[in-house]
Amino acid sequence: MNAADLSRLIAESLYLVLWVSAPALVVAMVTGLTVAVLSAATQVQEQSLTFVPKVALVSLTLALVGGWMATQLVGFTEQLWRSIPGLVG
């Protein structure tokens, strides 16, 4: 295994982590921003107000895209295991 192979492998794994985590992170960000705007507009400054909607919507998002996430991760893992003999030899 040379430095180029290792660099490619690390880049692919980081790209996959970003791609798989994006749906939950985007939902959490949009939910937090929406609740923050609503709480500022109504002048309700309760810090725990953002927690319940974020947890509920992120959980729903993970339930909806969890299969896709697992498929992506399993595919990468299988590809990694298949490439081990070529990387070692």
C-alpha atoms as a PDB file:
ATOM      1  CA  MET A   1       0.000   0.000   0.000  1.00  0.00           C
ATOM      2  CA  ASN A   2       1.474   3.298  -1.029  1.00  0.00           C
ATOM      3  CA  ALA A   3       0.608   6.809   0.034  1.00  0.00           C
ATOM      4  CA  ALA A   4      -1.684   7.416  -2.948  1.00  0.00           C
ATOM      5  CA  ASP A   5      -3.824   4.371  -2.109  1.00  0.00           C
ATOM      6  CA  LEU A   6      -4.058   5.392   1.516  1.00  0.00           C
ATOM      7  CA  SER A   7      -4.913   8.960   0.580  1.00  0.00           C
ATOM      8  CA  ARG A   8      -7.649   7.783  -1.812  1.00  0.00           C
ATOM      9  CA  LEU A   9      -9.079   5.446   0.819  1.00  0.00           C
ATOM     10  CA  ILE A  10      -9.181   8.171   3.476  1.00  0.00           C
ATOM     11  CA  ALA A  11     -10.758  10.634   1.036  1.00  0.00           C
ATOM     12  CA  GLU A  12     -13.450   8.116   0.045  1.00  0.00           C
ATOM     13  CA  SER A  13     -14.256   7.306   3.656  1.00  0.00           C
ATOM     14  CA  LEU A  14     -14.502  10.985   4.650  1.00  0.00           C
ATOM     15  CA  TYR A  15     -16.717  11.702   1.643  1.00  0.00           C
ATOM     16  CA  LEU A  16     -18.977   8.798   2.608  1.00  0.00           C
ATOM     17  CA  VAL A  17     -19.231   9.987   6.215  1.00  0.00           C
ATOM     18  CA  LEU A  18     -20.197  13.480   5.058  1.00  0.00           C
ATOM     19  CA  TRP A  19     -22.696  12.130   2.516  1.00  0.00           C
ATOM     20  CA  VAL A  20     -24.355   9.741   4.989  1.00  0.00           C
ATOM     21  CA  SER A  21     -24.552  12.224   7.859  1.00  0.00           C
ATOM     22  CA  ALA A  22     -25.844  15.101   5.715  1.00  0.00           C
ATOM     23  CA  PRO A  23     -29.604  14.351   5.923  1.00  0.00           C
ATOM     24  CA  ALA A  24     -29.700  14.314   9.725  1.00  0.00           C
ATOM     25  CA  LEU A  25     -27.428  17.358  10.013  1.00  0.00           C
ATOM     26  CA  VAL A  26     -29.455  19.389   7.520  1.00  0.00           C
ATOM     27  CA  VAL A  27     -32.722  18.527   9.273  1.00  0.00           C
ATOM     28  CA  ALA A  28     -31.246  19.455  12.663  1.00  0.00           C
ATOM     29  CA  MET A  29     -29.901  22.739  11.307  1.00  0.00           C
ATOM     30  CA  VAL A  30     -33.157  23.737   9.599  1.00  0.00           C
ATOM     31  CA  THR A  31     -35.212  22.741  12.646  1.00  0.00           C
ATOM     32  CA  GLY A  32     -32.959  24.677  15.004  1.00  0.00           C
ATOM     33  CA  LEU A  33     -33.021  27.741  12.790  1.00  0.00           C
ATOM     34  CA  THR A  34     -36.811  27.617  12.419  1.00  0.00           C
ATOM     35  CA  VAL A  35     -37.421  27.209  16.139  1.00  0.00           C
ATOM     36  CA  ALA A  36     -34.918  29.984  16.900  1.00  0.00           C
ATOM     37  CA  VAL A  37     -36.671  32.386  14.538  1.00  0.00           C
ATOM     38  CA  LEU A  38     -40.077  31.496  15.999  1.00  0.00           C
ATOM     39  CA  SER A  39     -38.861  31.847  19.575  1.00  0.00           C
ATOM     40  CA  ALA A  40     -37.264  35.202  18.770  1.00  0.00           C
ATOM     41  CA  ALA A  41     -40.451  36.393  17.098  1.00  0.00           C
ATOM     42  CA  THR A  42     -42.584  35.363  20.072  1.00  0.00           C
ATOM     43  CA  GLN A  43     -39.929  36.432  22.598  1.00  0.00           C
ATOM     44  CA  VAL A  44     -39.981  33.022  24.257  1.00  0.00           C
ATOM     45  CA  GLN A  45     -36.402  32.372  25.349  1.00  0.00           C
ATOM     46  CA  GLU A  46     -36.685  28.809  26.620  1.00  0.00           C
ATOM     47  CA  GLN A  47     -33.486  26.907  25.781  1.00  0.00           C
ATOM     48  CA  SER A  48     -35.089  23.479  25.964  1.00  0.00           C
ATOM     49  CA  LEU A  49     -37.701  24.450  23.361  1.00  0.00           C
ATOM     50  CA  THR A  50     -35.463  23.442  20.445  1.00  0.00           C
ATOM     51  CA  PHE A  51     -34.640  20.028  21.885  1.00  0.00           C
ATOM     52  CA  VAL A  52     -37.917  18.159  21.341  1.00  0.00           C
ATOM     53  CA  PRO A  53     -38.512  19.189  17.702  1.00  0.00           C
ATOM     54  CA  LYS A  54     -34.888  18.450  16.806  1.00  0.00           C
ATOM     55  CA  VAL A  55     -34.953  15.002  18.393  1.00  0.00           C
ATOM     56  CA  ALA A  56     -38.299  14.170  16.809  1.00  0.00           C
ATOM     57  CA  LEU A  57     -37.387  15.321  13.309  1.00  0.00           C
ATOM     58  CA  VAL A  58     -33.880  13.875  13.326  1.00  0.00           C
ATOM     59  CA  SER A  59     -35.292  10.550  14.548  1.00  0.00           C
ATOM     60  CA  LEU A  60     -37.887  10.618  11.773  1.00  0.00           C
ATOM     61  CA  THR A  61     -35.190  11.444   9.238  1.00  0.00           C
ATOM     62  CA  LEU A  62     -32.993   8.587  10.435  1.00  0.00           C
ATOM     63  CA  ALA A  63     -35.966   6.227  10.265  1.00  0.00           C
ATOM     64  CA  LEU A  64     -36.719   7.310   6.701  1.00  0.00           C
ATOM     65  CA  VAL A  65     -33.173   7.284   5.307  1.00  0.00           C
ATOM     66  CA  GLY A  66     -31.669   4.656   7.604  1.00  0.00           C
ATOM     67  CA  GLY A  67     -31.924   1.939   4.975  1.00  0.00           C
ATOM     68  CA  TRP A  68     -30.111   4.058   2.429  1.00  0.00           C
ATOM     69  CA  MET A  69     -27.445   4.929   4.993  1.00  0.00           C
ATOM     70  CA  ALA A  70     -26.901   1.277   5.856  1.00  0.00           C
ATOM     71  CA  THR A  71     -26.716   0.339   2.166  1.00  0.00           C
ATOM     72  CA  GLN A  72     -24.047   2.972   1.541  1.00  0.00           C
ATOM     73  CA  LEU A  73     -21.967   1.922   4.551  1.00  0.00           C
ATOM     74  CA  VAL A  74     -22.248  -1.800   3.819  1.00  0.00           C
ATOM     75  CA  GLY A  75     -21.310  -1.202   0.175  1.00  0.00           C
ATOM     76  CA  PHE A  76     -18.206   0.726   1.188  1.00  0.00           C
ATOM     77  CA  THR A  77     -17.260  -1.927   3.738  1.00  0.00           C
ATOM     78  CA  GLU A  78     -17.639  -4.710   1.165  1.00  0.00           C
ATOM     79  CA  GLN A  79     -15.553  -2.732  -1.324  1.00  0.00           C
ATOM     80  CA  LEU A  80     -12.905  -2.208   1.344  1.00  0.00           C
ATOM     81  CA  TRP A  81     -12.759  -5.902   2.239  1.00  0.00           C
ATOM     82  CA  ARG A  82     -12.511  -6.868  -1.450  1.00  0.00           C
ATOM     83  CA  SER A  83      -9.647  -4.423  -2.002  1.00  0.00           C
ATOM     84  CA  ILE A  84      -7.524  -5.622   0.929  1.00  0.00           C
ATOM     85  CA  PRO A  85      -5.579  -8.263  -1.068  1.00  0.00           C
ATOM     86  CA  GLY A  86      -4.686  -5.669  -3.700  1.00  0.00           C
ATOM     87  CA  LEU A  87      -3.621  -3.158  -1.083  1.00  0.00           C
ATOM     88  CA  VAL A  88      -1.372  -5.587   0.771  1.00  0.00           C
ATOM     89  CA  GLY A  89       0.283  -7.289  -2.169  1.00  0.00           C
END
